[in-house]
N, C-alpha and C. Protein backbone atom coordinates (compact mmCIF):
# COMPACT_ATOMS: atom_id res chain seq x y z
N UNK A 1 118.07 75.32 104.86
CA UNK A 1 117.16 76.48 104.82
C UNK A 1 115.74 75.99 105.06
N UNK A 2 115.04 76.62 105.97
CA UNK A 2 113.68 76.21 106.31
C UNK A 2 112.67 76.76 105.30
N UNK A 3 111.44 76.22 105.37
CA UNK A 3 110.37 76.74 104.51
C UNK A 3 110.13 78.22 104.80
N UNK A 4 110.21 78.60 106.07
CA UNK A 4 110.02 80.01 106.42
C UNK A 4 111.06 80.89 105.75
N UNK A 5 112.31 80.43 105.76
CA UNK A 5 113.37 81.19 105.11
C UNK A 5 113.10 81.31 103.62
N UNK A 6 112.69 80.22 103.00
CA UNK A 6 112.41 80.24 101.56
C UNK A 6 111.29 81.21 101.23
N UNK A 7 110.23 81.20 102.04
CA UNK A 7 109.10 82.10 101.80
C UNK A 7 109.52 83.56 101.95
N UNK A 8 110.29 83.85 102.98
CA UNK A 8 110.71 85.23 103.21
C UNK A 8 111.67 85.70 102.13
N UNK A 9 112.56 84.84 101.70
CA UNK A 9 113.46 85.20 100.61
C UNK A 9 112.70 85.46 99.32
N UNK A 10 111.66 84.66 99.07
CA UNK A 10 110.82 84.89 97.89
C UNK A 10 110.14 86.25 97.98
N UNK A 11 109.62 86.59 99.16
CA UNK A 11 108.99 87.89 99.35
C UNK A 11 109.98 89.01 99.09
N UNK A 12 111.18 88.89 99.63
CA UNK A 12 112.20 89.92 99.43
C UNK A 12 112.56 90.05 97.96
N UNK A 13 112.65 88.93 97.27
CA UNK A 13 112.99 88.96 95.86
C UNK A 13 111.94 89.72 95.05
N UNK A 14 110.67 89.42 95.31
CA UNK A 14 109.59 90.10 94.59
C UNK A 14 109.54 91.57 94.95
N UNK A 15 109.63 91.89 96.24
CA UNK A 15 109.57 93.29 96.66
C UNK A 15 110.74 94.09 96.10
N UNK A 16 111.89 93.47 96.02
CA UNK A 16 113.05 94.14 95.44
C UNK A 16 112.91 94.37 93.96
N UNK A 17 112.13 93.52 93.30
CA UNK A 17 111.99 93.62 91.85
C UNK A 17 110.79 94.40 91.39
N UNK A 18 109.89 94.76 92.31
CA UNK A 18 108.66 95.44 91.92
C UNK A 18 108.59 96.82 92.56
N UNK A 19 109.00 97.82 91.83
CA UNK A 19 108.77 99.23 92.20
C UNK A 19 109.50 99.68 93.46
N UNK A 20 110.27 98.82 94.09
CA UNK A 20 110.97 99.21 95.30
C UNK A 20 112.23 99.98 94.92
N UNK A 21 112.21 101.28 95.16
CA UNK A 21 113.36 102.09 94.80
C UNK A 21 113.83 102.93 95.97
N UNK A 22 113.73 102.37 97.15
CA UNK A 22 114.11 103.10 98.36
C UNK A 22 115.38 102.53 98.97
N UNK A 23 116.31 102.14 98.08
CA UNK A 23 117.64 101.71 98.49
C UNK A 23 117.56 100.56 99.51
N UNK A 24 118.09 100.76 100.70
CA UNK A 24 118.18 99.68 101.69
C UNK A 24 116.99 99.63 102.64
N UNK A 25 116.03 100.56 102.49
CA UNK A 25 114.95 100.65 103.46
C UNK A 25 113.73 99.84 103.03
N UNK A 26 112.89 99.53 104.00
CA UNK A 26 111.76 98.63 103.78
C UNK A 26 112.10 97.24 104.29
N UNK A 27 111.09 96.51 104.72
CA UNK A 27 111.35 95.18 105.28
C UNK A 27 110.11 94.31 105.21
N UNK A 28 110.33 93.01 105.35
CA UNK A 28 109.26 92.03 105.33
C UNK A 28 109.55 91.00 106.41
N UNK A 29 108.50 90.29 106.83
CA UNK A 29 108.68 89.30 107.89
C UNK A 29 107.69 88.16 107.74
N UNK A 30 108.02 87.04 108.37
CA UNK A 30 107.09 85.92 108.52
C UNK A 30 107.10 85.50 109.99
N UNK A 31 105.95 85.04 110.45
CA UNK A 31 105.83 84.60 111.84
C UNK A 31 106.68 83.35 112.06
N UNK A 32 107.42 83.33 113.16
CA UNK A 32 108.20 82.14 113.50
C UNK A 32 107.28 81.00 113.87
N UNK A 33 107.51 79.83 113.29
CA UNK A 33 106.63 78.68 113.50
C UNK A 33 106.67 78.17 114.94
N UNK A 34 107.72 78.53 115.68
CA UNK A 34 107.84 78.08 117.06
C UNK A 34 107.38 79.15 118.06
N UNK A 35 106.80 80.23 117.56
CA UNK A 35 106.25 81.25 118.44
C UNK A 35 107.26 82.15 119.10
N UNK A 36 108.45 82.24 118.53
CA UNK A 36 109.51 83.04 119.16
C UNK A 36 109.51 84.50 118.70
N UNK A 37 108.71 84.85 117.71
CA UNK A 37 108.71 86.20 117.18
C UNK A 37 108.55 86.18 115.68
N UNK A 38 109.39 86.94 114.98
CA UNK A 38 109.27 87.06 113.53
C UNK A 38 110.65 86.96 112.87
N UNK A 39 110.69 86.23 111.76
CA UNK A 39 111.88 86.24 110.91
C UNK A 39 111.76 87.43 109.97
N UNK A 40 112.82 88.23 109.89
CA UNK A 40 112.78 89.46 109.12
C UNK A 40 113.97 89.59 108.18
N UNK A 41 113.76 90.38 107.14
CA UNK A 41 114.87 90.88 106.33
C UNK A 41 115.78 91.68 107.25
N UNK A 42 117.07 91.60 107.03
CA UNK A 42 118.00 92.38 107.84
C UNK A 42 118.20 93.77 107.25
N UNK A 43 118.71 94.67 108.05
CA UNK A 43 118.88 96.06 107.65
C UNK A 43 120.20 96.25 106.88
N UNK A 44 120.35 97.44 106.31
CA UNK A 44 121.57 97.89 105.62
C UNK A 44 121.79 97.24 104.27
N UNK A 45 120.81 96.47 103.83
CA UNK A 45 120.89 95.83 102.52
C UNK A 45 119.54 95.94 101.83
N UNK A 46 119.55 95.86 100.50
CA UNK A 46 118.32 95.90 99.74
C UNK A 46 117.57 94.57 99.80
N UNK A 47 116.29 94.62 99.46
CA UNK A 47 115.48 93.41 99.43
C UNK A 47 116.14 92.32 98.59
N UNK A 48 116.61 92.71 97.41
CA UNK A 48 117.13 91.73 96.45
C UNK A 48 118.47 91.15 96.87
N UNK A 49 119.07 91.69 97.91
CA UNK A 49 120.36 91.20 98.37
C UNK A 49 120.25 90.15 99.47
N UNK A 50 119.04 89.85 99.90
CA UNK A 50 118.87 88.94 101.02
C UNK A 50 119.28 87.51 100.68
N UNK A 51 119.92 86.87 101.65
CA UNK A 51 120.24 85.45 101.60
C UNK A 51 119.79 84.83 102.92
N UNK A 52 119.70 83.52 102.97
CA UNK A 52 119.17 82.86 104.16
C UNK A 52 119.97 83.20 105.42
N UNK A 53 121.28 83.31 105.29
CA UNK A 53 122.11 83.58 106.47
C UNK A 53 121.97 85.01 106.98
N UNK A 54 121.35 85.90 106.18
CA UNK A 54 121.19 87.29 106.60
C UNK A 54 119.82 87.56 107.22
N UNK A 55 118.92 86.60 107.18
CA UNK A 55 117.62 86.78 107.83
C UNK A 55 117.80 86.73 109.34
N UNK A 56 116.98 87.48 110.06
CA UNK A 56 117.12 87.55 111.52
C UNK A 56 115.80 87.20 112.19
N UNK A 57 115.90 86.50 113.31
CA UNK A 57 114.75 86.17 114.14
C UNK A 57 114.71 87.17 115.30
N UNK A 58 113.62 87.94 115.38
CA UNK A 58 113.48 89.00 116.38
C UNK A 58 112.30 88.68 117.29
N UNK A 59 112.51 88.78 118.60
CA UNK A 59 111.39 88.52 119.52
C UNK A 59 110.64 89.80 119.83
N UNK A 60 109.62 89.70 120.67
CA UNK A 60 108.75 90.84 120.94
C UNK A 60 109.46 91.99 121.65
N UNK A 61 110.58 91.70 122.31
CA UNK A 61 111.33 92.75 122.99
C UNK A 61 112.33 93.44 122.08
N UNK A 62 112.46 92.94 120.86
CA UNK A 62 113.43 93.52 119.92
C UNK A 62 114.79 92.85 119.97
N UNK A 63 114.89 91.76 120.69
CA UNK A 63 116.15 91.03 120.77
C UNK A 63 116.31 90.12 119.57
N UNK A 64 117.49 90.11 118.97
CA UNK A 64 117.78 89.21 117.87
C UNK A 64 118.19 87.86 118.43
N UNK A 65 117.40 86.84 118.11
CA UNK A 65 117.63 85.50 118.66
C UNK A 65 118.47 84.63 117.75
N UNK A 66 118.42 84.89 116.45
CA UNK A 66 119.15 84.05 115.49
C UNK A 66 119.34 84.82 114.20
N UNK A 67 120.26 84.35 113.39
CA UNK A 67 120.51 84.96 112.09
C UNK A 67 121.76 85.82 112.08
N UNK A 68 122.30 86.00 110.88
CA UNK A 68 123.58 86.70 110.75
C UNK A 68 123.47 88.15 110.36
N UNK A 69 122.26 88.67 110.22
CA UNK A 69 122.09 90.07 109.82
C UNK A 69 121.89 90.99 111.00
N UNK A 70 121.54 92.22 110.70
CA UNK A 70 121.30 93.25 111.71
C UNK A 70 119.81 93.59 111.73
N UNK A 71 119.24 93.69 112.91
CA UNK A 71 117.81 93.96 113.05
C UNK A 71 117.46 95.36 112.56
N UNK A 72 116.36 95.46 111.80
CA UNK A 72 115.80 96.77 111.49
C UNK A 72 115.26 97.40 112.77
N UNK A 73 115.46 98.70 112.92
CA UNK A 73 114.97 99.35 114.14
C UNK A 73 113.45 99.40 114.19
N UNK A 74 112.79 99.19 113.05
CA UNK A 74 111.33 99.21 113.03
C UNK A 74 110.72 97.82 113.19
N UNK A 75 111.45 96.92 113.79
CA UNK A 75 110.90 95.58 114.02
C UNK A 75 109.60 95.59 114.81
N UNK A 76 109.32 96.58 115.68
CA UNK A 76 108.03 96.57 116.38
C UNK A 76 106.81 96.63 115.47
N UNK A 77 106.96 97.15 114.25
CA UNK A 77 105.85 97.09 113.32
C UNK A 77 105.39 95.64 113.17
N UNK A 78 106.35 94.75 112.98
CA UNK A 78 106.07 93.35 112.68
C UNK A 78 105.64 92.59 113.93
N UNK A 79 106.42 92.72 115.00
CA UNK A 79 106.14 91.92 116.19
C UNK A 79 104.85 92.33 116.87
N UNK A 80 104.54 93.63 116.89
CA UNK A 80 103.33 94.07 117.57
C UNK A 80 102.08 93.76 116.75
N UNK A 81 102.17 93.85 115.42
CA UNK A 81 101.01 93.45 114.61
C UNK A 81 100.77 91.96 114.76
N UNK A 82 101.83 91.15 114.74
CA UNK A 82 101.65 89.71 114.89
C UNK A 82 101.13 89.37 116.28
N UNK A 83 101.55 90.13 117.27
CA UNK A 83 101.06 89.87 118.63
C UNK A 83 99.55 90.12 118.71
N UNK A 84 99.07 91.17 118.05
CA UNK A 84 97.65 91.52 118.15
C UNK A 84 96.77 90.82 117.13
N UNK A 85 97.39 90.25 116.08
CA UNK A 85 96.63 89.64 115.00
C UNK A 85 97.08 88.19 114.79
N UNK A 86 96.47 87.23 115.48
CA UNK A 86 96.86 85.83 115.29
C UNK A 86 96.66 85.33 113.87
N UNK A 87 95.81 86.02 113.09
CA UNK A 87 95.56 85.61 111.71
C UNK A 87 96.67 86.02 110.76
N UNK A 88 97.58 86.87 111.21
CA UNK A 88 98.64 87.40 110.34
C UNK A 88 99.88 86.50 110.41
N UNK A 89 100.30 86.03 109.25
CA UNK A 89 101.52 85.22 109.17
C UNK A 89 102.67 85.92 108.52
N UNK A 90 102.40 87.08 107.88
CA UNK A 90 103.45 87.83 107.20
C UNK A 90 103.10 89.31 107.18
N UNK A 91 104.14 90.14 107.24
CA UNK A 91 103.98 91.60 107.24
C UNK A 91 104.97 92.20 106.26
N UNK A 92 104.53 93.22 105.53
CA UNK A 92 105.38 93.94 104.59
C UNK A 92 105.33 95.42 104.93
N UNK A 93 106.50 96.06 104.97
CA UNK A 93 106.56 97.52 105.13
C UNK A 93 107.47 98.08 104.04
N UNK A 94 106.92 98.96 103.20
CA UNK A 94 107.72 99.59 102.15
C UNK A 94 107.40 101.08 102.09
N UNK A 95 108.22 101.77 101.31
CA UNK A 95 108.04 103.21 101.09
C UNK A 95 107.83 103.46 99.60
N UNK A 96 107.02 102.65 98.96
CA UNK A 96 106.80 102.79 97.52
C UNK A 96 106.25 104.18 97.21
N UNK A 97 106.75 104.80 96.13
CA UNK A 97 106.53 106.24 95.92
C UNK A 97 105.08 106.68 95.76
N UNK A 98 104.28 105.92 95.02
CA UNK A 98 102.91 106.36 94.81
C UNK A 98 102.08 106.24 96.09
N UNK A 99 102.38 105.27 96.91
CA UNK A 99 101.68 105.15 98.19
C UNK A 99 102.02 106.32 99.10
N UNK A 100 103.30 106.68 99.16
CA UNK A 100 103.70 107.82 99.99
C UNK A 100 103.02 109.10 99.50
N UNK A 101 103.03 109.32 98.18
CA UNK A 101 102.40 110.52 97.61
C UNK A 101 100.89 110.51 97.86
N UNK A 102 100.27 109.36 97.67
CA UNK A 102 98.82 109.26 97.89
C UNK A 102 98.48 109.56 99.34
N UNK A 103 99.25 109.01 100.27
CA UNK A 103 98.98 109.25 101.68
C UNK A 103 99.05 110.72 102.05
N UNK A 104 99.92 111.47 101.37
CA UNK A 104 100.07 112.90 101.68
C UNK A 104 98.91 113.74 101.16
N UNK A 105 98.14 113.22 100.22
CA UNK A 105 97.02 113.99 99.68
C UNK A 105 95.83 114.03 100.63
N UNK A 106 95.71 113.05 101.49
CA UNK A 106 94.55 112.96 102.36
C UNK A 106 93.31 112.43 101.68
N UNK A 107 93.41 112.09 100.39
CA UNK A 107 92.25 111.55 99.68
C UNK A 107 91.88 110.18 100.23
N UNK A 108 90.60 109.88 100.33
CA UNK A 108 90.21 108.49 100.61
C UNK A 108 90.48 107.64 99.38
N UNK A 109 90.74 106.37 99.59
CA UNK A 109 90.90 105.46 98.46
C UNK A 109 89.56 105.27 97.78
N UNK A 110 89.53 105.41 96.45
CA UNK A 110 88.31 105.24 95.68
C UNK A 110 88.49 104.06 94.72
N UNK A 111 87.46 103.24 94.54
CA UNK A 111 87.57 102.07 93.67
C UNK A 111 87.43 102.44 92.19
N UNK A 112 88.45 103.10 91.67
CA UNK A 112 88.46 103.40 90.24
C UNK A 112 89.09 102.27 89.44
N UNK A 113 89.63 101.28 90.13
CA UNK A 113 90.28 100.14 89.48
C UNK A 113 89.97 98.88 90.26
N UNK A 114 90.22 97.73 89.64
CA UNK A 114 90.09 96.47 90.36
C UNK A 114 91.00 96.46 91.58
N UNK A 115 92.21 96.99 91.42
CA UNK A 115 93.19 96.96 92.51
C UNK A 115 92.62 97.58 93.78
N UNK A 116 91.94 98.73 93.62
CA UNK A 116 91.47 99.48 94.78
C UNK A 116 90.34 98.78 95.52
N UNK A 117 89.65 97.85 94.88
CA UNK A 117 88.54 97.18 95.57
C UNK A 117 89.02 96.35 96.75
N UNK A 118 90.30 96.03 96.78
CA UNK A 118 90.85 95.30 97.92
C UNK A 118 90.83 96.15 99.19
N UNK A 119 90.69 97.47 99.03
CA UNK A 119 90.85 98.39 100.16
C UNK A 119 89.61 99.22 100.48
N UNK A 120 88.51 98.98 99.77
CA UNK A 120 87.29 99.73 100.04
C UNK A 120 86.11 98.77 100.05
N UNK A 121 85.07 99.14 100.81
CA UNK A 121 85.01 100.29 101.72
C UNK A 121 85.67 100.00 103.07
N UNK A 122 86.41 100.99 103.57
CA UNK A 122 86.96 100.98 104.93
C UNK A 122 87.89 99.80 105.20
N UNK A 123 88.77 99.50 104.23
CA UNK A 123 89.74 98.43 104.46
C UNK A 123 91.18 98.95 104.35
N UNK A 124 91.33 100.29 104.37
CA UNK A 124 92.64 100.91 104.35
C UNK A 124 92.73 101.86 105.54
N UNK A 125 93.51 101.48 106.54
CA UNK A 125 93.65 102.30 107.74
C UNK A 125 94.69 103.39 107.52
N UNK A 126 94.71 104.35 108.42
CA UNK A 126 95.70 105.44 108.36
C UNK A 126 96.27 105.67 109.76
N UNK A 127 97.58 105.95 109.77
CA UNK A 127 98.30 106.26 111.01
C UNK A 127 98.91 107.64 110.81
N UNK A 128 98.59 108.58 111.72
CA UNK A 128 98.87 109.98 111.47
C UNK A 128 100.30 110.45 111.67
N UNK A 129 101.12 109.70 112.38
CA UNK A 129 102.48 110.15 112.66
C UNK A 129 103.44 109.69 111.57
N UNK A 130 104.39 110.56 111.23
CA UNK A 130 105.42 110.19 110.27
C UNK A 130 106.69 109.68 110.92
N UNK A 131 106.69 109.53 112.24
CA UNK A 131 107.87 109.04 112.95
C UNK A 131 108.17 107.59 112.60
N UNK A 132 109.43 107.20 112.70
CA UNK A 132 109.77 105.79 112.57
C UNK A 132 109.16 105.02 113.73
N UNK A 133 108.79 103.77 113.47
CA UNK A 133 108.11 102.95 114.47
C UNK A 133 109.17 102.08 115.14
N UNK A 134 109.76 102.61 116.22
CA UNK A 134 110.93 101.96 116.81
C UNK A 134 110.68 101.38 118.20
N UNK A 135 109.52 101.64 118.79
CA UNK A 135 109.25 101.15 120.14
C UNK A 135 108.02 100.25 120.14
N UNK A 136 107.91 99.37 121.12
CA UNK A 136 106.70 98.54 121.22
C UNK A 136 105.43 99.38 121.32
N UNK A 137 105.51 100.52 122.00
CA UNK A 137 104.34 101.38 122.14
C UNK A 137 103.88 101.90 120.78
N UNK A 138 104.84 102.33 119.95
CA UNK A 138 104.49 102.80 118.61
C UNK A 138 103.95 101.65 117.76
N UNK A 139 104.58 100.49 117.89
CA UNK A 139 104.11 99.33 117.15
C UNK A 139 102.68 98.96 117.52
N UNK A 140 102.36 99.05 118.81
CA UNK A 140 101.00 98.76 119.25
C UNK A 140 100.02 99.79 118.71
N UNK A 141 100.45 101.04 118.63
CA UNK A 141 99.58 102.08 118.09
C UNK A 141 99.26 101.82 116.62
N UNK A 142 100.25 101.37 115.87
CA UNK A 142 100.01 101.01 114.46
C UNK A 142 99.06 99.83 114.39
N UNK A 143 99.30 98.81 115.21
CA UNK A 143 98.44 97.63 115.21
C UNK A 143 97.01 97.99 115.58
N UNK A 144 96.84 98.90 116.55
CA UNK A 144 95.49 99.32 116.95
C UNK A 144 94.79 100.08 115.83
N UNK A 145 95.54 100.91 115.11
CA UNK A 145 94.94 101.64 113.99
C UNK A 145 94.60 100.70 112.83
N UNK A 146 95.43 99.70 112.62
CA UNK A 146 95.20 98.72 111.56
C UNK A 146 93.92 97.92 111.81
N UNK A 147 93.68 97.57 113.06
CA UNK A 147 92.56 96.71 113.44
C UNK A 147 92.59 95.42 112.61
N UNK A 148 91.47 95.07 111.96
CA UNK A 148 91.42 93.81 111.21
C UNK A 148 91.59 94.02 109.71
N UNK A 149 92.09 95.18 109.31
CA UNK A 149 92.23 95.51 107.89
C UNK A 149 93.49 94.89 107.29
N UNK A 150 93.58 94.85 105.95
CA UNK A 150 94.77 94.28 105.31
C UNK A 150 95.91 95.26 105.10
N UNK A 151 95.68 96.57 105.31
CA UNK A 151 96.72 97.54 105.01
C UNK A 151 96.52 98.82 105.79
N UNK A 152 97.63 99.54 106.00
CA UNK A 152 97.59 100.84 106.67
C UNK A 152 98.60 101.76 106.02
N UNK A 153 98.20 103.02 105.83
CA UNK A 153 99.09 104.07 105.36
C UNK A 153 99.73 104.74 106.57
N UNK A 154 101.06 104.88 106.54
CA UNK A 154 101.78 105.62 107.57
C UNK A 154 102.09 107.00 106.99
N UNK A 155 101.53 108.04 107.57
CA UNK A 155 101.64 109.38 107.00
C UNK A 155 103.10 109.78 106.79
N UNK A 156 103.41 110.30 105.59
CA UNK A 156 104.74 110.80 105.25
C UNK A 156 105.82 109.74 105.49
N UNK A 157 105.45 108.51 105.27
CA UNK A 157 106.36 107.41 105.63
C UNK A 157 106.25 106.25 104.64
N UNK A 158 105.11 105.59 104.57
CA UNK A 158 104.98 104.43 103.71
C UNK A 158 103.71 103.66 104.00
N UNK A 159 103.81 102.35 103.87
CA UNK A 159 102.64 101.51 104.10
C UNK A 159 103.05 100.22 104.79
N UNK A 160 102.06 99.59 105.41
CA UNK A 160 102.21 98.25 105.97
C UNK A 160 101.06 97.41 105.45
N UNK A 161 101.37 96.23 104.94
CA UNK A 161 100.33 95.29 104.54
C UNK A 161 100.55 93.97 105.27
N UNK A 162 99.46 93.24 105.46
CA UNK A 162 99.53 91.99 106.19
C UNK A 162 98.78 90.91 105.43
N UNK A 163 99.08 89.66 105.78
CA UNK A 163 98.37 88.56 105.17
C UNK A 163 98.58 87.29 105.96
N UNK A 164 97.81 86.28 105.62
CA UNK A 164 97.97 84.99 106.26
C UNK A 164 99.33 84.39 105.95
N UNK A 165 99.89 84.77 104.79
CA UNK A 165 101.21 84.29 104.38
C UNK A 165 101.85 85.35 103.50
N UNK A 166 103.06 85.07 103.01
CA UNK A 166 103.77 86.07 102.23
C UNK A 166 103.06 86.36 100.91
N UNK A 167 102.41 85.37 100.32
CA UNK A 167 101.70 85.61 99.07
C UNK A 167 100.66 86.70 99.26
N UNK A 168 99.88 86.59 100.30
CA UNK A 168 98.81 87.56 100.54
C UNK A 168 99.36 88.92 100.91
N UNK A 169 100.37 88.96 101.79
CA UNK A 169 100.92 90.25 102.22
C UNK A 169 101.61 90.98 101.08
N UNK A 170 102.34 90.25 100.23
CA UNK A 170 103.07 90.90 99.13
C UNK A 170 102.11 91.33 98.02
N UNK A 171 101.18 90.47 97.64
CA UNK A 171 100.21 90.85 96.60
C UNK A 171 99.40 92.06 97.06
N UNK A 172 99.05 92.11 98.34
CA UNK A 172 98.33 93.27 98.86
C UNK A 172 99.16 94.54 98.73
N UNK A 173 100.46 94.44 99.02
CA UNK A 173 101.34 95.60 98.87
C UNK A 173 101.41 96.06 97.42
N UNK A 174 101.53 95.12 96.50
CA UNK A 174 101.58 95.46 95.08
C UNK A 174 100.27 96.12 94.64
N UNK A 175 99.14 95.59 95.09
CA UNK A 175 97.85 96.16 94.72
C UNK A 175 97.69 97.58 95.27
N UNK A 176 98.18 97.82 96.47
CA UNK A 176 98.05 99.15 97.06
C UNK A 176 98.88 100.17 96.29
N UNK A 177 100.08 99.81 95.90
CA UNK A 177 100.89 100.73 95.09
C UNK A 177 100.23 101.00 93.74
N UNK A 178 99.68 99.98 93.11
CA UNK A 178 99.00 100.16 91.82
C UNK A 178 97.76 101.03 91.97
N UNK A 179 96.98 100.77 93.02
CA UNK A 179 95.76 101.55 93.24
C UNK A 179 96.09 103.02 93.51
N UNK A 180 97.12 103.26 94.31
CA UNK A 180 97.52 104.63 94.60
C UNK A 180 97.99 105.34 93.34
N UNK A 181 98.75 104.66 92.52
CA UNK A 181 99.25 105.27 91.27
C UNK A 181 98.09 105.64 90.35
N UNK A 182 97.14 104.74 90.17
CA UNK A 182 96.02 105.01 89.28
C UNK A 182 95.15 106.15 89.79
N UNK A 183 94.95 106.22 91.10
CA UNK A 183 94.13 107.31 91.62
C UNK A 183 94.84 108.65 91.49
N UNK A 184 96.15 108.68 91.71
CA UNK A 184 96.89 109.93 91.53
C UNK A 184 96.84 110.39 90.08
N UNK A 185 96.97 109.45 89.14
CA UNK A 185 96.88 109.81 87.72
C UNK A 185 95.49 110.35 87.38
N UNK A 186 94.47 109.70 87.90
CA UNK A 186 93.10 110.13 87.61
C UNK A 186 92.80 111.49 88.22
N UNK A 187 93.21 111.69 89.47
CA UNK A 187 92.96 112.96 90.14
C UNK A 187 93.72 114.10 89.48
N UNK A 188 94.88 113.80 88.91
CA UNK A 188 95.64 114.83 88.20
C UNK A 188 94.93 115.25 86.92
N UNK A 189 94.19 114.32 86.31
CA UNK A 189 93.47 114.63 85.07
C UNK A 189 92.21 115.43 85.35
N UNK A 190 91.50 115.07 86.42
CA UNK A 190 90.27 115.78 86.78
C UNK A 190 89.94 115.53 88.24
N UNK A 191 89.56 116.55 88.98
CA UNK A 191 89.17 116.32 90.37
C UNK A 191 87.79 115.68 90.49
N UNK A 192 87.04 115.67 89.41
CA UNK A 192 85.67 115.15 89.42
C UNK A 192 85.64 113.80 88.70
N UNK A 193 86.33 112.82 89.27
CA UNK A 193 86.42 111.51 88.63
C UNK A 193 85.36 110.56 89.18
N UNK A 194 85.05 109.55 88.41
CA UNK A 194 84.03 108.58 88.81
C UNK A 194 84.69 107.33 89.37
N UNK A 195 83.92 106.55 90.10
CA UNK A 195 84.42 105.31 90.68
C UNK A 195 83.24 104.42 91.04
N UNK A 196 83.53 103.16 91.31
CA UNK A 196 82.48 102.19 91.62
C UNK A 196 81.81 102.51 92.94
N UNK A 197 80.55 102.12 93.04
CA UNK A 197 79.87 102.20 94.33
C UNK A 197 80.45 101.16 95.27
N UNK A 198 80.16 101.31 96.56
CA UNK A 198 80.65 100.32 97.53
C UNK A 198 80.14 98.92 97.20
N UNK A 199 78.87 98.82 96.84
CA UNK A 199 78.31 97.50 96.53
C UNK A 199 79.02 96.87 95.34
N UNK A 200 79.25 97.66 94.30
CA UNK A 200 79.95 97.13 93.12
C UNK A 200 81.39 96.78 93.47
N UNK A 201 82.03 97.61 94.28
CA UNK A 201 83.41 97.34 94.66
C UNK A 201 83.52 96.03 95.43
N UNK A 202 82.58 95.78 96.33
CA UNK A 202 82.61 94.54 97.10
C UNK A 202 82.40 93.34 96.19
N UNK A 203 81.47 93.44 95.25
CA UNK A 203 81.26 92.33 94.31
C UNK A 203 82.52 92.07 93.48
N UNK A 204 83.15 93.13 93.01
CA UNK A 204 84.37 92.98 92.22
C UNK A 204 85.49 92.38 93.06
N UNK A 205 85.59 92.83 94.32
CA UNK A 205 86.63 92.28 95.20
C UNK A 205 86.42 90.79 95.40
N UNK A 206 85.18 90.39 95.65
CA UNK A 206 84.90 88.97 95.88
C UNK A 206 85.20 88.12 94.64
N UNK A 207 85.01 88.70 93.47
CA UNK A 207 85.31 87.98 92.23
C UNK A 207 86.79 87.98 91.89
N UNK A 208 87.44 89.11 92.15
CA UNK A 208 88.81 89.32 91.69
C UNK A 208 89.85 88.75 92.65
N UNK A 209 89.63 88.96 93.95
CA UNK A 209 90.66 88.61 94.93
C UNK A 209 90.31 87.34 95.69
N UNK A 210 90.00 86.29 94.95
CA UNK A 210 89.85 84.97 95.55
C UNK A 210 91.22 84.46 95.97
N UNK A 211 91.22 83.48 96.84
CA UNK A 211 92.51 82.92 97.27
C UNK A 211 93.27 82.34 96.08
N UNK A 212 92.57 81.69 95.17
CA UNK A 212 93.25 81.10 94.01
C UNK A 212 93.86 82.18 93.13
N UNK A 213 93.18 83.32 92.99
CA UNK A 213 93.73 84.41 92.18
C UNK A 213 94.93 85.05 92.86
N UNK A 214 94.89 85.17 94.19
CA UNK A 214 96.04 85.71 94.91
C UNK A 214 97.25 84.79 94.72
N UNK A 215 97.02 83.49 94.83
CA UNK A 215 98.12 82.54 94.63
C UNK A 215 98.65 82.60 93.21
N UNK A 216 97.75 82.77 92.23
CA UNK A 216 98.18 82.86 90.84
C UNK A 216 98.98 84.14 90.59
N UNK A 217 98.52 85.25 91.20
CA UNK A 217 99.26 86.51 91.06
C UNK A 217 100.63 86.41 91.71
N UNK A 218 100.71 85.76 92.86
CA UNK A 218 101.99 85.55 93.55
C UNK A 218 102.93 84.71 92.68
N UNK A 219 102.40 83.66 92.10
CA UNK A 219 103.22 82.81 91.22
C UNK A 219 103.73 83.60 90.02
N UNK A 220 102.89 84.48 89.48
CA UNK A 220 103.32 85.33 88.36
C UNK A 220 104.45 86.26 88.79
N UNK A 221 104.30 86.89 89.95
CA UNK A 221 105.34 87.80 90.44
C UNK A 221 106.67 87.06 90.62
N UNK A 222 106.60 85.84 91.12
CA UNK A 222 107.82 85.04 91.26
C UNK A 222 108.43 84.72 89.89
N UNK A 223 107.60 84.34 88.93
CA UNK A 223 108.11 84.05 87.58
C UNK A 223 108.73 85.29 86.96
N UNK A 224 108.10 86.42 87.18
CA UNK A 224 108.61 87.68 86.62
C UNK A 224 109.99 88.01 87.17
N UNK A 225 110.15 87.86 88.48
CA UNK A 225 111.45 88.14 89.08
C UNK A 225 112.49 87.12 88.60
N UNK A 226 112.10 85.85 88.57
CA UNK A 226 113.03 84.82 88.11
C UNK A 226 113.43 85.02 86.67
N UNK A 227 112.47 85.47 85.83
CA UNK A 227 112.77 85.76 84.44
C UNK A 227 113.74 86.90 84.28
N UNK A 228 113.55 87.94 85.11
CA UNK A 228 114.47 89.09 85.07
C UNK A 228 115.86 88.68 85.49
N UNK A 229 115.94 87.80 86.50
CA UNK A 229 117.25 87.35 86.97
C UNK A 229 117.98 86.54 85.91
N UNK A 230 117.23 85.64 85.23
CA UNK A 230 117.87 84.80 84.22
C UNK A 230 118.30 85.61 83.00
N UNK A 231 117.55 86.71 82.74
CA UNK A 231 117.88 87.53 81.57
C UNK A 231 119.18 88.29 81.77
N UNK A 232 119.51 88.58 83.04
CA UNK A 232 120.74 89.30 83.33
C UNK A 232 121.91 88.36 83.50
């Protein structure tokens, strides 16, 4: 098993253990080290069911080059973002419930929590179509809407987060679900809620989301999943 396989399996394990309740849907990927495309979770199985032999290598045309699983039809999300963003080493796409609900409200993300500072000001893109992203053209449209941001909401669909590696992409996904949940709770209590200014949000983001903190949060998520597995 390669390091890439180990990283992707770790991502799948964490995503399967954290708020992912969409059965077999959702996927994650890492960039192939040899430039052939992206290694992805295979379809028809849950995140937590992934094994090394079920991971698939998909090229930019959607052809499966290696692996024993079945390609997700939304592989263009991953390959087209990686094609347009050389800085991206990993991509996550999930349908976590609070993110889907938040996206349907049309509210802008507000920094009412530390979590939300990762996405403001103007670091959360939106894609207006709820269609599945099954063609290179659709994948390119998502990538163009994402631009250089860390995350994008897909209307009536879910979210995509990116990072230099799986730690960054997965922690970003977790933060977006948490931020969406907190804002929905706050908005339900009162429509006139307060939040940090952009300047304060940027200062908090710089303090809170350092690379060392992202790595520490990733290590915690791994320990949490491993602890849950050992307990069962």
